[in-house]
Protein backbone atom coordinates (compact mmCIF):
# COMPACT_ATOMS: atom_id res chain seq x y z
CA UNK A 1 -196.38 -15.01 -74.69
CA UNK A 2 -198.01 -18.47 -74.65
CA UNK A 3 -199.64 -19.52 -71.57
CA UNK A 4 -198.34 -22.94 -70.45
CA UNK A 5 -201.59 -23.59 -68.42
CA UNK A 6 -203.65 -23.29 -71.71
CA UNK A 7 -201.39 -25.15 -74.14
CA UNK A 8 -199.38 -27.63 -72.12
CA UNK A 9 -201.67 -28.68 -69.43
CA UNK A 10 -203.51 -31.93 -70.50
CA UNK A 11 -206.74 -33.29 -69.03
CA UNK A 12 -204.81 -36.34 -67.65
CA UNK A 13 -202.55 -33.92 -65.64
CA UNK A 14 -205.44 -32.66 -63.59
CA UNK A 15 -205.61 -34.44 -60.24
CA UNK A 16 -208.76 -32.62 -58.86
CA UNK A 17 -210.83 -29.74 -59.94
CA UNK A 18 -213.66 -27.46 -58.87
CA UNK A 19 -215.68 -24.87 -60.72
CA UNK A 20 -212.99 -22.27 -60.89
CA UNK A 21 -209.73 -24.18 -60.27
CA UNK A 22 -207.70 -27.12 -61.42
CA UNK A 23 -205.09 -28.95 -59.32
CA UNK A 24 -201.83 -30.42 -60.74
CA UNK A 25 -198.52 -31.52 -59.65
CA UNK A 26 -195.83 -28.79 -60.02
CA UNK A 27 -193.54 -29.66 -62.97
CA UNK A 28 -190.56 -28.31 -61.11
CA UNK A 29 -191.39 -29.31 -57.44
CA UNK A 30 -189.62 -27.91 -54.46
CA UNK A 31 -190.58 -30.99 -52.50
CA UNK A 32 -192.31 -34.26 -53.37
CA UNK A 33 -196.02 -33.63 -53.48
CA UNK A 34 -195.81 -29.98 -54.53
CA UNK A 35 -199.16 -28.99 -55.93
CA UNK A 36 -200.43 -26.06 -58.03
CA UNK A 37 -203.92 -24.74 -57.77
CA UNK A 38 -204.49 -22.96 -61.02
CA UNK A 39 -207.43 -20.70 -61.96
CA UNK A 40 -209.43 -22.00 -65.01
CA UNK A 41 -209.87 -18.32 -66.25
CA UNK A 42 -207.03 -15.96 -67.13
CA UNK A 43 -206.65 -13.91 -63.85
CA UNK A 44 -203.26 -12.50 -63.48
CA UNK A 45 -203.28 -11.69 -59.72
CA UNK A 46 -205.16 -12.30 -56.52
CA UNK A 47 -207.07 -9.07 -56.61
CA UNK A 48 -208.66 -9.88 -59.90
CA UNK A 49 -210.40 -12.96 -58.58
CA UNK A 50 -214.12 -12.28 -57.83
CA UNK A 51 -215.16 -12.87 -54.21
CA UNK A 52 -216.88 -16.11 -54.85
CA UNK A 53 -213.79 -17.37 -56.78
CA UNK A 54 -211.55 -16.30 -53.69
CA UNK A 55 -213.83 -18.19 -51.48
CA UNK A 56 -213.60 -21.30 -53.44
CA UNK A 57 -209.67 -20.90 -53.54
CA UNK A 58 -209.69 -20.65 -49.77
CA UNK A 59 -211.74 -23.70 -49.33
CA UNK A 60 -209.67 -25.67 -51.83
CA UNK A 61 -206.50 -24.67 -49.92
CA UNK A 62 -207.86 -25.91 -46.74
CA UNK A 63 -209.16 -29.18 -48.30
CA UNK A 64 -205.91 -30.00 -49.96
CA UNK A 65 -203.71 -29.01 -47.07
CA UNK A 66 -205.81 -31.35 -44.87
CA UNK A 67 -205.53 -34.28 -47.38
CA UNK A 68 -201.70 -33.71 -47.65
CA UNK A 69 -201.33 -33.65 -43.94
CA UNK A 70 -203.54 -36.66 -43.42
CA UNK A 71 -202.00 -38.90 -45.98
CA UNK A 72 -198.36 -38.05 -46.24
CA UNK A 73 -195.78 -38.13 -43.38
CA UNK A 74 -195.30 -34.38 -43.29
CA UNK A 75 -195.28 -31.66 -40.57
CA UNK A 76 -197.19 -29.05 -42.55
CA UNK A 77 -197.73 -27.24 -45.83
CA UNK A 78 -196.46 -23.90 -47.15
CA UNK A 79 -198.91 -21.95 -49.27
CA UNK A 80 -197.18 -19.57 -51.71
CA UNK A 81 -198.61 -17.27 -54.19
CA UNK A 82 -196.21 -15.09 -56.39
CA UNK A 83 -198.77 -12.31 -56.91
CA UNK A 84 -197.80 -9.96 -59.92
CA UNK A 85 -194.41 -11.76 -60.00
CA UNK A 86 -192.45 -14.26 -62.25
CA UNK A 87 -195.34 -15.73 -64.20
CA UNK A 88 -196.75 -12.94 -66.35
CA UNK A 89 -199.13 -14.26 -69.07
CA UNK A 90 -200.27 -17.38 -67.04
CA UNK A 91 -203.17 -18.19 -65.01
CA UNK A 92 -203.24 -17.03 -61.30
CA UNK A 93 -201.97 -20.02 -59.34
CA UNK A 94 -200.99 -20.93 -55.82
CA UNK A 95 -198.30 -23.43 -54.69
CA UNK A 96 -198.93 -25.91 -51.95
CA UNK A 97 -195.59 -27.27 -50.79
CA UNK A 98 -195.47 -30.27 -48.27
CA UNK A 99 -193.05 -29.52 -45.57
CA UNK A 100 -190.91 -31.23 -42.82
CA UNK A 101 -189.52 -29.39 -39.93
CA UNK A 102 -186.05 -30.58 -40.85
CA UNK A 103 -186.39 -29.95 -44.65
CA UNK A 104 -184.17 -26.77 -44.61
CA UNK A 105 -186.61 -24.80 -46.66
CA UNK A 106 -186.15 -21.46 -45.06
CA UNK A 107 -182.37 -22.11 -44.89
CA UNK A 108 -182.20 -22.06 -48.62
CA UNK A 109 -183.82 -18.67 -49.01
CA UNK A 110 -181.40 -15.79 -49.57
CA UNK A 111 -182.88 -12.38 -50.45
CA UNK A 112 -181.26 -9.14 -51.29
CA UNK A 113 -182.83 -6.96 -48.69
CA UNK A 114 -183.82 -3.46 -49.61
CA UNK A 115 -184.95 -0.64 -47.49
CA UNK A 116 -188.47 0.21 -48.23
CA UNK A 117 -190.53 3.25 -46.92
CA UNK A 118 -193.56 1.60 -45.51
CA UNK A 119 -195.45 4.78 -44.74
CA UNK A 120 -197.67 4.66 -47.78
CA UNK A 121 -198.62 1.12 -46.99
CA UNK A 122 -199.36 1.94 -43.51
CA UNK A 123 -201.53 4.87 -44.58
CA UNK A 124 -203.46 2.69 -46.91
CA UNK A 125 -204.52 0.34 -44.06
């Protein structure tokens, strides 16, 4: 599998970057202003990020969320990470989606609910 973040991401696509992350517009945005925070290294999931990299990610999420809210007429930002899901073979990334209270975002989500035994999870806490 070819990683789109290695082969299709051009330097001019990068809006902002830090030591461990690049920020770009999402190529298939859910909302205008939809950003991706992409790890520069090939981590597949959140648990693989070293502690210092996770701290940088958290700081970057706060910084970008504040900038989006200060500069756009939005009500907030949804931060989403599809950990271990959908994007195998790419870099770990996080979505920042500008939101309006009236955008119907949650109304569009329809999941097939499954009954899960949560005992193993509760014991692991």
